[in-house]
Amino acid sequence: MTLQELRRARKLTQVRMAKALGISQDGISKLEKRSDLLLSTLRKTVEAMGGSLSLVAEFPDRDPVVLSGISEVEPNPKAAGKKHAHARA
């Protein structure tokens, strides 16, 4: 399911999502068309729809693994004095 399909299934408009996320309606439209999102952006979007985000790694030789600490809010890297790369979904 795409983000647009998910939003529609939740019976939410782009305008309502934009207000919840503090961005423009055009920003929601662009967000829904992107194929590469920061996990933090995806998490905020799903939470604005009333849900929560989980990240699951699947392997052929074991049960799925729910990854923890990946999609949670991270401290500001500048405040911590560290550089880090953003994980992308």
C-alpha atoms as a PDB file:
ATOM      1  CA  MET A   1       0.000   0.000   0.000  1.00  0.00           C
ATOM      2  CA  THR A   2       1.349   3.437  -0.865  1.00  0.00           C
ATOM      3  CA  LEU A   3       1.254   6.360   1.565  1.00  0.00           C
ATOM      4  CA  GLN A   4      -1.495   7.902  -0.541  1.00  0.00           C
ATOM      5  CA  GLU A   5      -3.542   4.691  -0.416  1.00  0.00           C
ATOM      6  CA  LEU A   6      -2.959   4.443   3.328  1.00  0.00           C
ATOM      7  CA  ARG A   7      -4.036   8.052   3.867  1.00  0.00           C
ATOM      8  CA  ARG A   8      -7.177   7.489   1.819  1.00  0.00           C
ATOM      9  CA  ALA A   9      -7.950   4.234   3.641  1.00  0.00           C
ATOM     10  CA  ARG A  10      -7.720   6.198   6.905  1.00  0.00           C
ATOM     11  CA  LYS A  11     -10.180   8.711   5.364  1.00  0.00           C
ATOM     12  CA  LEU A  12      -7.756  11.612   5.736  1.00  0.00           C
ATOM     13  CA  THR A  13      -7.303  14.503   3.326  1.00  0.00           C
ATOM     14  CA  GLN A  14      -3.961  15.941   2.260  1.00  0.00           C
ATOM     15  CA  VAL A  15      -4.998  19.205   3.933  1.00  0.00           C
ATOM     16  CA  ARG A  16      -5.653  17.472   7.268  1.00  0.00           C
ATOM     17  CA  MET A  17      -2.333  15.602   7.055  1.00  0.00           C
ATOM     18  CA  ALA A  18      -0.525  18.827   6.182  1.00  0.00           C
ATOM     19  CA  LYS A  19      -1.940  20.527   9.273  1.00  0.00           C
ATOM     20  CA  ALA A  20      -0.965  17.574  11.477  1.00  0.00           C
ATOM     21  CA  LEU A  21       2.600  17.594  10.132  1.00  0.00           C
ATOM     22  CA  GLY A  22       2.986  21.374   9.952  1.00  0.00           C
ATOM     23  CA  ILE A  23       3.666  21.423   6.209  1.00  0.00           C
ATOM     24  CA  SER A  24       1.758  22.524   3.102  1.00  0.00           C
ATOM     25  CA  GLN A  25      -0.759  20.411   1.201  1.00  0.00           C
ATOM     26  CA  ASP A  26       1.695  20.493  -1.710  1.00  0.00           C
ATOM     27  CA  GLY A  27       4.309  19.055   0.669  1.00  0.00           C
ATOM     28  CA  ILE A  28       2.015  16.094   1.376  1.00  0.00           C
ATOM     29  CA  SER A  29       1.488  15.574  -2.349  1.00  0.00           C
ATOM     30  CA  LYS A  30       5.257  15.505  -2.930  1.00  0.00           C
ATOM     31  CA  LEU A  31       5.809  13.245   0.083  1.00  0.00           C
ATOM     32  CA  GLU A  32       3.292  10.726  -1.242  1.00  0.00           C
ATOM     33  CA  LYS A  33       5.104  10.579  -4.599  1.00  0.00           C
ATOM     34  CA  ARG A  34       8.568   9.949  -3.144  1.00  0.00           C
ATOM     35  CA  SER A  35       9.975   6.455  -3.177  1.00  0.00           C
ATOM     36  CA  ASP A  36      12.877   7.176  -0.801  1.00  0.00           C
ATOM     37  CA  LEU A  37      11.949   8.622   2.603  1.00  0.00           C
ATOM     38  CA  LEU A  38      13.869   9.122   5.800  1.00  0.00           C
ATOM     39  CA  LEU A  39      12.554   6.724   8.415  1.00  0.00           C
ATOM     40  CA  SER A  40      11.864   9.689  10.692  1.00  0.00           C
ATOM     41  CA  THR A  41       9.660  11.260   8.002  1.00  0.00           C
ATOM     42  CA  LEU A  42       7.807   7.998   7.454  1.00  0.00           C
ATOM     43  CA  ARG A  43       7.357   7.559  11.227  1.00  0.00           C
ATOM     44  CA  LYS A  44       5.941  11.081  11.636  1.00  0.00           C
ATOM     45  CA  THR A  45       3.588  10.552   8.691  1.00  0.00           C
ATOM     46  CA  VAL A  46       2.272   7.242  10.005  1.00  0.00           C
ATOM     47  CA  GLU A  47       1.858   8.705  13.493  1.00  0.00           C
ATOM     48  CA  ALA A  48      -0.076  11.660  12.023  1.00  0.00           C
ATOM     49  CA  MET A  49      -2.479   9.041  10.617  1.00  0.00           C
ATOM     50  CA  GLY A  50      -2.911   7.573  14.096  1.00  0.00           C
ATOM     51  CA  GLY A  51      -0.564   4.605  13.685  1.00  0.00           C
ATOM     52  CA  SER A  52       2.931   3.560  14.677  1.00  0.00           C
ATOM     53  CA  LEU A  53       5.846   2.404  12.545  1.00  0.00           C
ATOM     54  CA  SER A  54       7.685  -0.889  12.949  1.00  0.00           C
ATOM     55  CA  LEU A  55      10.630  -2.036  10.872  1.00  0.00           C
ATOM     56  CA  VAL A  56      10.939  -5.774  10.221  1.00  0.00           C
ATOM     57  CA  ALA A  57      13.923  -7.596   8.703  1.00  0.00           C
ATOM     58  CA  GLU A  58      13.023 -10.842   6.939  1.00  0.00           C
ATOM     59  CA  PHE A  59      15.441 -13.664   6.215  1.00  0.00           C
ATOM     60  CA  PRO A  60      14.873 -16.973   4.420  1.00  0.00           C
ATOM     61  CA  ASP A  61      16.357 -19.053   7.252  1.00  0.00           C
ATOM     62  CA  ARG A  62      14.690 -17.558  10.338  1.00  0.00           C
ATOM     63  CA  ASP A  63      11.598 -15.841  11.668  1.00  0.00           C
ATOM     64  CA  PRO A  64      11.190 -12.106  10.963  1.00  0.00           C
ATOM     65  CA  VAL A  65      13.064  -9.761  13.306  1.00  0.00           C
ATOM     66  CA  VAL A  66      11.505  -6.503  14.518  1.00  0.00           C
ATOM     67  CA  LEU A  67      14.282  -3.919  14.630  1.00  0.00           C
ATOM     68  CA  SER A  68      14.242  -1.555  17.586  1.00  0.00           C
ATOM     69  CA  GLY A  69      15.597   1.955  17.948  1.00  0.00           C
ATOM     70  CA  ILE A  70      15.717   2.580  14.202  1.00  0.00           C
ATOM     71  CA  SER A  71      12.545   4.524  13.522  1.00  0.00           C
ATOM     72  CA  GLU A  72      12.471   6.305  16.866  1.00  0.00           C
ATOM     73  CA  VAL A  73      13.319   9.978  17.247  1.00  0.00           C
ATOM     74  CA  GLU A  74      17.063  10.447  17.420  1.00  0.00           C
ATOM     75  CA  PRO A  75      18.766  13.304  19.265  1.00  0.00           C
ATOM     76  CA  ASN A  76      19.980  16.228  17.177  1.00  0.00           C
ATOM     77  CA  PRO A  77      23.425  15.155  15.856  1.00  0.00           C
ATOM     78  CA  LYS A  78      24.771  18.707  16.206  1.00  0.00           C
ATOM     79  CA  ALA A  79      23.799  18.766  19.862  1.00  0.00           C
ATOM     80  CA  ALA A  80      25.616  15.484  20.425  1.00  0.00           C
ATOM     81  CA  GLY A  81      28.626  16.688  18.435  1.00  0.00           C
ATOM     82  CA  LYS A  82      28.554  13.629  16.185  1.00  0.00           C
ATOM     83  CA  LYS A  83      28.051  13.125  12.486  1.00  0.00           C
ATOM     84  CA  HIS A  84      25.794  10.292  11.377  1.00  0.00           C
ATOM     85  CA  ALA A  85      24.176   9.086   8.187  1.00  0.00           C
ATOM     86  CA  HIS A  86      20.409   8.961   7.889  1.00  0.00           C
ATOM     87  CA  ALA A  87      18.898   5.545   7.290  1.00  0.00           C
ATOM     88  CA  ARG A  88      16.485   5.460   4.396  1.00  0.00           C
ATOM     89  CA  ALA A  89      13.518   3.160   3.927  1.00  0.00           C
END
